[in-house]
């Protein structure tokens, strides 16, 4: 699942604030830099492994085109999955921290 980092950080910030576990001074810039570096490392590792296949799904496409994404997942895993049931699980109201 690929989501813009700005959205991920905004979502995490809201979640931590709502739980009362947000820490003062935790700068998004430093977190973003560390996360981007880690993602580069993980993606390079995945690409170096011929025995590991990945399916990258754009997060923002799921609420708007859940059925097409569910079909892609089914094709990727290579077994018959219940696309309609998968589609029903998507709740577009949970996509709250969108990039502007």
PDB file of N, CA and C in Angstrom:
ATOM      1  N   UNK A   1       0.860  -1.152   0.000  1.00  0.00           N
ATOM      2  CA  UNK A   1       0.000   0.000   0.000  1.00  0.00           C
ATOM      3  C   UNK A   1       0.913   1.222   0.000  1.00  0.00           C
ATOM      4  N   UNK A   2       0.773   2.034  -1.006  1.00  0.00           N
ATOM      5  CA  UNK A   2       1.608   3.222  -1.104  1.00  0.00           C
ATOM      6  C   UNK A   2       0.757   4.465  -0.881  1.00  0.00           C
ATOM      7  N   UNK A   3       1.194   5.279   0.054  1.00  0.00           N
ATOM      8  CA  UNK A   3       0.464   6.485   0.416  1.00  0.00           C
ATOM      9  C   UNK A   3       1.461   7.621   0.530  1.00  0.00           C
ATOM     10  N   UNK A   4       1.092   8.829   0.103  1.00  0.00           N
ATOM     11  CA  UNK A   4       2.010   9.956   0.245  1.00  0.00           C
ATOM     12  C   UNK A   4       2.458  10.112   1.702  1.00  0.00           C
ATOM     13  N   UNK A   5       3.756  10.304   1.880  1.00  0.00           N
ATOM     14  CA  UNK A   5       4.319  10.379   3.222  1.00  0.00           C
ATOM     15  C   UNK A   5       3.682  11.497   4.042  1.00  0.00           C
ATOM     16  N   UNK A   6       3.355  12.594   3.416  1.00  0.00           N
ATOM     17  CA  UNK A   6       2.717  13.710   4.118  1.00  0.00           C
ATOM     18  C   UNK A   6       1.405  13.246   4.757  1.00  0.00           C
ATOM     19  N   UNK A   7       0.649  12.417   4.041  1.00  0.00           N
ATOM     20  CA  UNK A   7      -0.607  11.894   4.578  1.00  0.00           C
ATOM     21  C   UNK A   7      -0.360  10.921   5.721  1.00  0.00           C
ATOM     22  N   UNK A   8       0.641  10.079   5.580  1.00  0.00           N
ATOM     23  CA  UNK A   8       0.965   9.108   6.633  1.00  0.00           C
ATOM     24  C   UNK A   8       1.323   9.843   7.924  1.00  0.00           C
ATOM     25  N   UNK A   9       2.178  10.848   7.800  1.00  0.00           N
ATOM     26  CA  UNK A   9       2.601  11.599   8.987  1.00  0.00           C
ATOM     27  C   UNK A   9       1.437  12.352   9.615  1.00  0.00           C
ATOM     28  N   UNK A  10       0.572  12.939   8.795  1.00  0.00           N
ATOM     29  CA  UNK A  10      -0.594  13.648   9.335  1.00  0.00           C
ATOM     30  C   UNK A  10      -1.512  12.679  10.074  1.00  0.00           C
ATOM     31  N   UNK A  11      -1.719  11.506   9.500  1.00  0.00           N
ATOM     32  CA  UNK A  11      -2.572  10.496  10.115  1.00  0.00           C
ATOM     33  C   UNK A  11      -1.983  10.033  11.448  1.00  0.00           C
ATOM     34  N   UNK A  12      -0.676   9.791  11.470  1.00  0.00           N
ATOM     35  CA  UNK A  12      -0.023   9.357  12.700  1.00  0.00           C
ATOM     36  C   UNK A  12      -0.113  10.431  13.783  1.00  0.00           C
ATOM     37  N   UNK A  13       0.063  11.671  13.368  1.00  0.00           N
ATOM     38  CA  UNK A  13       0.003  12.772  14.327  1.00  0.00           C
ATOM     39  C   UNK A  13      -1.381  12.862  14.971  1.00  0.00           C
ATOM     40  N   UNK A  14      -2.424  12.755  14.167  1.00  0.00           N
ATOM     41  CA  UNK A  14      -3.795  12.796  14.689  1.00  0.00           C
ATOM     42  C   UNK A  14      -4.039  11.609  15.621  1.00  0.00           C
ATOM     43  N   UNK A  15      -3.598  10.421  15.208  1.00  0.00           N
ATOM     44  CA  UNK A  15      -3.799   9.229  16.029  1.00  0.00           C
ATOM     45  C   UNK A  15      -3.105   9.378  17.392  1.00  0.00           C
ATOM     46  N   UNK A  16      -1.851   9.817  17.390  1.00  0.00           N
ATOM     47  CA  UNK A  16      -1.111   9.968  18.643  1.00  0.00           C
ATOM     48  C   UNK A  16      -1.745  11.032  19.539  1.00  0.00           C
ATOM     49  N   UNK A  17      -2.196  12.118  18.916  1.00  0.00           N
ATOM     50  CA  UNK A  17      -2.858  13.178  19.687  1.00  0.00           C
ATOM     51  C   UNK A  17      -4.151  12.649  20.305  1.00  0.00           C
ATOM     52  N   UNK A  18      -4.934  11.900  19.524  1.00  0.00           N
ATOM     53  CA  UNK A  18      -6.190  11.351  20.035  1.00  0.00           C
ATOM     54  C   UNK A  18      -5.968  10.345  21.156  1.00  0.00           C
ATOM     55  N   UNK A  19      -4.870   9.591  21.075  1.00  0.00           N
ATOM     56  CA  UNK A  19      -4.560   8.607  22.128  1.00  0.00           C
ATOM     57  C   UNK A  19      -3.903   9.249  23.332  1.00  0.00           C
ATOM     58  N   UNK A  20      -3.479  10.510  23.174  1.00  0.00           N
ATOM     59  CA  UNK A  20      -2.795  11.196  24.271  1.00  0.00           C
ATOM     60  C   UNK A  20      -1.350  10.771  24.416  1.00  0.00           C
ATOM     61  N   UNK A  21      -0.756  10.236  23.347  1.00  0.00           N
ATOM     62  CA  UNK A  21       0.626   9.762  23.420  1.00  0.00           C
ATOM     63  C   UNK A  21       1.570  10.575  22.533  1.00  0.00           C
ATOM     64  N   UNK A  22       1.094  11.715  22.018  1.00  0.00           N
ATOM     65  CA  UNK A  22       1.955  12.564  21.187  1.00  0.00           C
ATOM     66  C   UNK A  22       3.068  13.138  22.050  1.00  0.00           C
ATOM     67  N   UNK A  23       4.269  13.181  21.502  1.00  0.00           N
ATOM     68  CA  UNK A  23       5.415  13.699  22.240  1.00  0.00           C
ATOM     69  C   UNK A  23       5.838  15.035  21.634  1.00  0.00           C
ATOM     70  N   UNK A  24       6.026  16.009  22.497  1.00  0.00           N
ATOM     71  CA  UNK A  24       6.466  17.325  22.035  1.00  0.00           C
ATOM     72  C   UNK A  24       7.870  17.217  21.454  1.00  0.00           C
ATOM     73  N   UNK A  25       8.098  17.952  20.388  1.00  0.00           N
ATOM     74  CA  UNK A  25       9.434  17.990  19.798  1.00  0.00           C
ATOM     75  C   UNK A  25       9.700  16.926  18.765  1.00  0.00           C
ATOM     76  N   UNK A  26       8.775  16.012  18.548  1.00  0.00           N
ATOM     77  CA  UNK A  26       8.962  14.981  17.517  1.00  0.00           C
ATOM     78  C   UNK A  26       8.642  15.631  16.171  1.00  0.00           C
ATOM     79  N   UNK A  27       9.688  16.098  15.481  1.00  0.00           N
ATOM     80  CA  UNK A  27       9.502  16.834  14.239  1.00  0.00           C
ATOM     81  C   UNK A  27       9.198  15.940  13.050  1.00  0.00           C
ATOM     82  N   UNK A  28       8.199  16.346  12.285  1.00  0.00           N
ATOM     83  CA  UNK A  28       7.820  15.564  11.111  1.00  0.00           C
ATOM     84  C   UNK A  28       8.935  15.503  10.075  1.00  0.00           C
ATOM     85  N   UNK A  29       9.744  16.551   9.993  1.00  0.00           N
ATOM     86  CA  UNK A  29      10.821  16.561   8.986  1.00  0.00           C
ATOM     87  C   UNK A  29      11.832  15.444   9.257  1.00  0.00           C
ATOM     88  N   UNK A  30      12.247  15.281  10.490  1.00  0.00           N
ATOM     89  CA  UNK A  30      13.200  14.226  10.840  1.00  0.00           C
ATOM     90  C   UNK A  30      12.577  12.853  10.656  1.00  0.00           C
ATOM     91  N   UNK A  31      11.317  12.720  11.021  1.00  0.00           N
ATOM     92  CA  UNK A  31      10.613  11.446  10.863  1.00  0.00           C
ATOM     93  C   UNK A  31      10.476  11.118   9.382  1.00  0.00           C
ATOM     94  N   UNK A  32      10.126  12.116   8.577  1.00  0.00           N
ATOM     95  CA  UNK A  32       9.971  11.910   7.130  1.00  0.00           C
ATOM     96  C   UNK A  32      11.288  11.477   6.494  1.00  0.00           C
ATOM     97  N   UNK A  33      12.370  12.111   6.876  1.00  0.00           N
ATOM     98  CA  UNK A  33      13.684  11.764   6.329  1.00  0.00           C
ATOM     99  C   UNK A  33      14.050  10.327   6.680  1.00  0.00           C
ATOM    100  N   UNK A  34      13.846   9.940   7.921  1.00  0.00           N
ATOM    101  CA  UNK A  34      14.156   8.577   8.357  1.00  0.00           C
ATOM    102  C   UNK A  34      13.273   7.562   7.642  1.00  0.00           C
ATOM    103  N   UNK A  35      12.002   7.877   7.515  1.00  0.00           N
ATOM    104  CA  UNK A  35      11.066   6.966   6.874  1.00  0.00           C
ATOM    105  C   UNK A  35      11.396   6.799   5.391  1.00  0.00           C
ATOM    106  N   UNK A  36      11.687   7.902   4.704  1.00  0.00           N
ATOM    107  CA  UNK A  36      12.052   7.828   3.285  1.00  0.00           C
ATOM    108  C   UNK A  36      13.303   6.982   3.084  1.00  0.00           C
ATOM    109  N   UNK A  37      14.276   7.159   3.955  1.00  0.00           N
ATOM    110  CA  UNK A  37      15.507   6.360   3.883  1.00  0.00           C
ATOM    111  C   UNK A  37      15.201   4.881   4.078  1.00  0.00           C
ATOM    112  N   UNK A  38      14.377   4.600   5.064  1.00  0.00           N
ATOM    113  CA  UNK A  38      14.010   3.201   5.333  1.00  0.00           C
ATOM    114  C   UNK A  38      13.256   2.594   4.151  1.00  0.00           C
ATOM    115  N   UNK A  39      12.328   3.355   3.559  1.00  0.00           N
ATOM    116  CA  UNK A  39      11.588   2.861   2.402  1.00  0.00           C
ATOM    117  C   UNK A  39      12.525   2.560   1.229  1.00  0.00           C
ATOM    118  N   UNK A  40      13.511   3.416   1.002  1.00  0.00           N
ATOM    119  CA  UNK A  40      14.488   3.156  -0.071  1.00  0.00           C
ATOM    120  C   UNK A  40      15.229   1.846   0.187  1.00  0.00           C
ATOM    121  N   UNK A  41      15.637   1.630   1.432  1.00  0.00           N
ATOM    122  CA  UNK A  41      16.344   0.395   1.790  1.00  0.00           C
ATOM    123  C   UNK A  41      15.452  -0.834   1.584  1.00  0.00           C
ATOM    124  N   UNK A  42      14.224  -0.751   2.048  1.00  0.00           N
ATOM    125  CA  UNK A  42      13.293  -1.882   1.927  1.00  0.00           C
ATOM    126  C   UNK A  42      13.011  -2.176   0.454  1.00  0.00           C
ATOM    127  N   UNK A  43      12.746  -1.130  -0.333  1.00  0.00           N
ATOM    128  CA  UNK A  43      12.456  -1.336  -1.753  1.00  0.00           C
ATOM    129  C   UNK A  43      13.663  -1.909  -2.498  1.00  0.00           C
ATOM    130  N   UNK A  44      14.845  -1.442  -2.176  1.00  0.00           N
ATOM    131  CA  UNK A  44      16.056  -1.991  -2.806  1.00  0.00           C
ATOM    132  C   UNK A  44      16.209  -3.463  -2.432  1.00  0.00           C
ATOM    133  N   UNK A  45      15.964  -3.792  -1.178  1.00  0.00           N
ATOM    134  CA  UNK A  45      16.069  -5.189  -0.741  1.00  0.00           C
ATOM    135  C   UNK A  45      15.047  -6.049  -1.477  1.00  0.00           C
ATOM    136  N   UNK A  46      13.805  -5.577  -1.545  1.00  0.00           N
ATOM    137  CA  UNK A  46      12.758  -6.341  -2.236  1.00  0.00           C
ATOM    138  C   UNK A  46      13.119  -6.566  -3.706  1.00  0.00           C
ATOM    139  N   UNK A  47      13.617  -5.527  -4.354  1.00  0.00           N
ATOM    140  CA  UNK A  47      13.979  -5.648  -5.769  1.00  0.00           C
ATOM    141  C   UNK A  47      15.155  -6.589  -5.987  1.00  0.00           C
ATOM    142  N   UNK A  48      15.976  -6.794  -4.969  1.00  0.00           N
ATOM    143  CA  UNK A  48      17.140  -7.679  -5.104  1.00  0.00           C
ATOM    144  C   UNK A  48      16.789  -9.157  -4.888  1.00  0.00           C
ATOM    145  N   UNK A  49      15.555  -9.418  -4.490  1.00  0.00           N
ATOM    146  CA  UNK A  49      15.128 -10.787  -4.190  1.00  0.00           C
ATOM    147  C   UNK A  49      14.246 -11.330  -5.306  1.00  0.00           C
ATOM    148  N   UNK A  50      14.785 -12.180  -6.162  1.00  0.00           N
ATOM    149  CA  UNK A  50      13.980 -12.696  -7.273  1.00  0.00           C
ATOM    150  C   UNK A  50      12.835 -13.607  -6.812  1.00  0.00           C
ATOM    151  N   UNK A  51      12.920 -14.104  -5.601  1.00  0.00           N
ATOM    152  CA  UNK A  51      11.874 -14.997  -5.088  1.00  0.00           C
ATOM    153  C   UNK A  51      10.751 -14.259  -4.349  1.00  0.00           C
ATOM    154  N   UNK A  52      10.812 -12.933  -4.335  1.00  0.00           N
ATOM    155  CA  UNK A  52       9.779 -12.144  -3.665  1.00  0.00           C
ATOM    156  C   UNK A  52       9.125 -11.233  -4.700  1.00  0.00           C
ATOM    157  N   UNK A  53       7.801 -11.392  -4.828  1.00  0.00           N
ATOM    158  CA  UNK A  53       7.050 -10.521  -5.725  1.00  0.00           C
ATOM    159  C   UNK A  53       6.245  -9.541  -4.875  1.00  0.00           C
ATOM    160  N   UNK A  54       6.100  -8.342  -5.388  1.00  0.00           N
ATOM    161  CA  UNK A  54       5.317  -7.342  -4.668  1.00  0.00           C
ATOM    162  C   UNK A  54       4.245  -6.767  -5.583  1.00  0.00           C
ATOM    163  N   UNK A  55       3.191  -6.325  -4.965  1.00  0.00           N
ATOM    164  CA  UNK A  55       2.130  -5.606  -5.664  1.00  0.00           C
ATOM    165  C   UNK A  55       2.003  -4.266  -4.966  1.00  0.00           C
ATOM    166  N   UNK A  56       2.245  -3.219  -5.686  1.00  0.00           N
ATOM    167  CA  UNK A  56       2.151  -1.880  -5.111  1.00  0.00           C
ATOM    168  C   UNK A  56       0.767  -1.311  -5.431  1.00  0.00           C
ATOM    169  N   UNK A  57       0.061  -0.943  -4.381  1.00  0.00           N
ATOM    170  CA  UNK A  57      -1.297  -0.442  -4.524  1.00  0.00           C
ATOM    171  C   UNK A  57      -1.327   1.007  -4.034  1.00  0.00           C
ATOM    172  N   UNK A  58      -1.693   1.954  -4.910  1.00  0.00           N
ATOM    173  CA  UNK A  58      -1.818   3.347  -4.472  1.00  0.00           C
ATOM    174  C   UNK A  58      -2.993   3.496  -3.503  1.00  0.00           C
ATOM    175  N   UNK A  59      -2.714   3.948  -2.319  1.00  0.00           N
ATOM    176  CA  UNK A  59      -3.709   4.069  -1.251  1.00  0.00           C
ATOM    177  C   UNK A  59      -4.935   4.847  -1.708  1.00  0.00           C
ATOM    178  N   UNK A  60      -4.713   5.958  -2.408  1.00  0.00           N
ATOM    179  CA  UNK A  60      -5.829   6.827  -2.796  1.00  0.00           C
ATOM    180  C   UNK A  60      -6.751   6.195  -3.832  1.00  0.00           C
ATOM    181  N   UNK A  61      -6.315   5.133  -4.496  1.00  0.00           N
ATOM    182  CA  UNK A  61      -7.170   4.478  -5.483  1.00  0.00           C
ATOM    183  C   UNK A  61      -8.147   3.485  -4.855  1.00  0.00           C
ATOM    184  N   UNK A  62      -7.854   3.037  -3.666  1.00  0.00           N
ATOM    185  CA  UNK A  62      -8.700   2.013  -3.048  1.00  0.00           C
ATOM    186  C   UNK A  62     -10.129   2.511  -2.798  1.00  0.00           C
ATOM    187  N   UNK A  63     -10.323   3.666  -2.158  1.00  0.00           N
ATOM    188  CA  UNK A  63     -11.710   4.100  -1.946  1.00  0.00           C
ATOM    189  C   UNK A  63     -12.464   4.392  -3.248  1.00  0.00           C
ATOM    190  N   UNK A  64     -11.763   4.875  -4.249  1.00  0.00           N
ATOM    191  CA  UNK A  64     -12.447   5.272  -5.473  1.00  0.00           C
ATOM    192  C   UNK A  64     -12.612   4.140  -6.483  1.00  0.00           C
ATOM    193  N   UNK A  65     -11.792   3.093  -6.358  1.00  0.00           N
ATOM    194  CA  UNK A  65     -11.854   1.994  -7.328  1.00  0.00           C
ATOM    195  C   UNK A  65     -11.548   0.657  -6.652  1.00  0.00           C
ATOM    196  N   UNK A  66     -12.259   0.402  -5.562  1.00  0.00           N
ATOM    197  CA  UNK A  66     -11.994  -0.782  -4.736  1.00  0.00           C
ATOM    198  C   UNK A  66     -12.126  -2.083  -5.515  1.00  0.00           C
ATOM    199  N   UNK A  67     -13.092  -2.158  -6.400  1.00  0.00           N
ATOM    200  CA  UNK A  67     -13.289  -3.406  -7.123  1.00  0.00           C
ATOM    201  C   UNK A  67     -12.106  -3.716  -8.040  1.00  0.00           C
ATOM    202  N   UNK A  68     -11.606  -2.721  -8.744  1.00  0.00           N
ATOM    203  CA  UNK A  68     -10.450  -2.937  -9.620  1.00  0.00           C
ATOM    204  C   UNK A  68      -9.220  -3.342  -8.811  1.00  0.00           C
ATOM    205  N   UNK A  69      -9.027  -2.707  -7.663  1.00  0.00           N
ATOM    206  CA  UNK A  69      -7.892  -3.058  -6.810  1.00  0.00           C
ATOM    207  C   UNK A  69      -8.055  -4.483  -6.289  1.00  0.00           C
ATOM    208  N   UNK A  70      -9.253  -4.848  -5.885  1.00  0.00           N
ATOM    209  CA  UNK A  70      -9.504  -6.211  -5.400  1.00  0.00           C
ATOM    210  C   UNK A  70      -9.210  -7.238  -6.487  1.00  0.00           C
ATOM    211  N   UNK A  71      -9.566  -6.926  -7.723  1.00  0.00           N
ATOM    212  CA  UNK A  71      -9.239  -7.829  -8.841  1.00  0.00           C
ATOM    213  C   UNK A  71      -7.726  -7.963  -9.009  1.00  0.00           C
ATOM    214  N   UNK A  72      -7.007  -6.852  -8.890  1.00  0.00           N
ATOM    215  CA  UNK A  72      -5.537  -6.888  -9.003  1.00  0.00           C
ATOM    216  C   UNK A  72      -4.934  -7.767  -7.907  1.00  0.00           C
ATOM    217  N   UNK A  73      -5.452  -7.631  -6.691  1.00  0.00           N
ATOM    218  CA  UNK A  73      -4.948  -8.438  -5.573  1.00  0.00           C
ATOM    219  C   UNK A  73      -5.213  -9.914  -5.842  1.00  0.00           C
ATOM    220  N   UNK A  74      -6.398 -10.208  -6.315  1.00  0.00           N
ATOM    221  CA  UNK A  74      -6.757 -11.602  -6.625  1.00  0.00           C
ATOM    222  C   UNK A  74      -5.827 -12.178  -7.685  1.00  0.00           C
ATOM    223  N   UNK A  75      -5.577 -11.418  -8.726  1.00  0.00           N
ATOM    224  CA  UNK A  75      -4.657 -11.875  -9.775  1.00  0.00           C
ATOM    225  C   UNK A  75      -3.256 -12.052  -9.218  1.00  0.00           C
ATOM    226  N   UNK A  76      -2.829 -11.133  -8.350  1.00  0.00           N
ATOM    227  CA  UNK A  76      -1.485 -11.188  -7.789  1.00  0.00           C
ATOM    228  C   UNK A  76      -1.275 -12.440  -6.940  1.00  0.00           C
ATOM    229  N   UNK A  77      -2.237 -12.753  -6.077  1.00  0.00           N
ATOM    230  CA  UNK A  77      -2.062 -13.917  -5.201  1.00  0.00           C
ATOM    231  C   UNK A  77      -2.334 -15.226  -5.919  1.00  0.00           C
ATOM    232  N   UNK A  78      -3.044 -15.139  -7.041  1.00  0.00           N
ATOM    233  CA  UNK A  78      -3.238 -16.318  -7.870  1.00  0.00           C
ATOM    234  C   UNK A  78      -4.236 -17.329  -7.362  1.00  0.00           C
ATOM    235  N   UNK A  79      -5.121 -16.890  -6.477  1.00  0.00           N
ATOM    236  CA  UNK A  79      -6.188 -17.772  -6.015  1.00  0.00           C
ATOM    237  C   UNK A  79      -7.502 -17.007  -6.078  1.00  0.00           C
ATOM    238  N   UNK A  80      -8.583 -17.750  -6.129  1.00  0.00           N
ATOM    239  CA  UNK A  80      -9.889 -17.109  -6.189  1.00  0.00           C
ATOM    240  C   UNK A  80     -10.261 -16.491  -4.855  1.00  0.00           C
ATOM    241  N   UNK A  81     -10.393 -15.195  -4.837  1.00  0.00           N
ATOM    242  CA  UNK A  81     -10.830 -14.487  -3.640  1.00  0.00           C
ATOM    243  C   UNK A  81     -12.192 -13.875  -3.908  1.00  0.00           C
ATOM    244  N   UNK A  82     -12.910 -13.588  -2.878  1.00  0.00           N
ATOM    245  CA  UNK A  82     -14.236 -12.998  -3.007  1.00  0.00           C
ATOM    246  C   UNK A  82     -14.092 -11.488  -3.190  1.00  0.00           C
ATOM    247  N   UNK A  83     -14.055 -11.068  -4.452  1.00  0.00           N
ATOM    248  CA  UNK A  83     -13.841  -9.661  -4.787  1.00  0.00           C
ATOM    249  C   UNK A  83     -14.945  -8.786  -4.212  1.00  0.00           C
ATOM    250  N   UNK A  84     -16.170  -9.252  -4.272  1.00  0.00           N
ATOM    251  CA  UNK A  84     -17.282  -8.448  -3.737  1.00  0.00           C
ATOM    252  C   UNK A  84     -17.138  -8.243  -2.227  1.00  0.00           C
ATOM    253  N   UNK A  85     -16.771  -9.290  -1.517  1.00  0.00           N
ATOM    254  CA  UNK A  85     -16.577  -9.169  -0.062  1.00  0.00           C
ATOM    255  C   UNK A  85     -15.411  -8.229   0.245  1.00  0.00           C
ATOM    256  N   UNK A  86     -14.355  -8.334  -0.540  1.00  0.00           N
ATOM    257  CA  UNK A  86     -13.206  -7.440  -0.350  1.00  0.00           C
ATOM    258  C   UNK A  86     -13.630  -5.991  -0.567  1.00  0.00           C
ATOM    259  N   UNK A  87     -14.390  -5.762  -1.610  1.00  0.00           N
ATOM    260  CA  UNK A  87     -14.840  -4.409  -1.959  1.00  0.00           C
ATOM    261  C   UNK A  87     -15.717  -3.823  -0.859  1.00  0.00           C
ATOM    262  N   UNK A  88     -16.560  -4.643  -0.265  1.00  0.00           N
ATOM    263  CA  UNK A  88     -17.453  -4.159   0.800  1.00  0.00           C
ATOM    264  C   UNK A  88     -16.689  -3.708   2.048  1.00  0.00           C
ATOM    265  N   UNK A  89     -15.469  -4.160   2.221  1.00  0.00           N
ATOM    266  CA  UNK A  89     -14.699  -3.805   3.414  1.00  0.00           C
ATOM    267  C   UNK A  89     -14.085  -2.409   3.337  1.00  0.00           C
ATOM    268  N   UNK A  90     -14.074  -1.832   2.165  1.00  0.00           N
ATOM    269  CA  UNK A  90     -13.479  -0.503   1.992  1.00  0.00           C
ATOM    270  C   UNK A  90     -14.437   0.552   2.542  1.00  0.00           C
ATOM    271  N   UNK A  91     -13.930   1.368   3.447  1.00  0.00           N
ATOM    272  CA  UNK A  91     -14.709   2.440   4.050  1.00  0.00           C
ATOM    273  C   UNK A  91     -14.028   3.765   3.713  1.00  0.00           C
ATOM    274  N   UNK A  92     -14.537   4.442   2.709  1.00  0.00           N
ATOM    275  CA  UNK A  92     -13.920   5.686   2.230  1.00  0.00           C
ATOM    276  C   UNK A  92     -13.892   6.770   3.301  1.00  0.00           C
ATOM    277  N   UNK A  93     -14.746   6.690   4.310  1.00  0.00           N
ATOM    278  CA  UNK A  93     -14.751   7.718   5.358  1.00  0.00           C
ATOM    279  C   UNK A  93     -13.491   7.645   6.221  1.00  0.00           C
ATOM    280  N   UNK A  94     -12.762   6.543   6.149  1.00  0.00           N
ATOM    281  CA  UNK A  94     -11.530   6.409   6.930  1.00  0.00           C
ATOM    282  C   UNK A  94     -10.338   7.111   6.267  1.00  0.00           C
ATOM    283  N   UNK A  95     -10.526   7.551   5.031  1.00  0.00           N
ATOM    284  CA  UNK A  95      -9.456   8.278   4.326  1.00  0.00           C
ATOM    285  C   UNK A  95      -9.624   9.759   4.639  1.00  0.00           C
ATOM    286  N   UNK A  96      -9.133  10.168   5.817  1.00  0.00           N
ATOM    287  CA  UNK A  96      -9.386  11.511   6.313  1.00  0.00           C
ATOM    288  C   UNK A  96      -8.216  12.469   6.123  1.00  0.00           C
ATOM    289  N   UNK A  97      -7.008  11.994   6.144  1.00  0.00           N
ATOM    290  CA  UNK A  97      -5.853  12.878   6.103  1.00  0.00           C
ATOM    291  C   UNK A  97      -5.266  12.903   4.689  1.00  0.00           C
ATOM    292  N   UNK A  98      -5.994  13.527   3.781  1.00  0.00           N
ATOM    293  CA  UNK A  98      -5.592  13.586   2.376  1.00  0.00           C
ATOM    294  C   UNK A  98      -4.680  14.763   2.112  1.00  0.00           C
ATOM    295  N   UNK A  99      -3.758  14.569   1.174  1.00  0.00           N
ATOM    296  CA  UNK A  99      -2.937  15.680   0.725  1.00  0.00           C
ATOM    297  C   UNK A  99      -3.816  16.654  -0.025  1.00  0.00           C
ATOM    298  N   UNK A 100      -3.499  17.891   0.084  1.00  0.00           N
ATOM    299  CA  UNK A 100      -4.310  18.902  -0.603  1.00  0.00           C
ATOM    300  C   UNK A 100      -3.722  19.229  -1.938  1.00  0.00           C
TER     301      UNK A 100
END
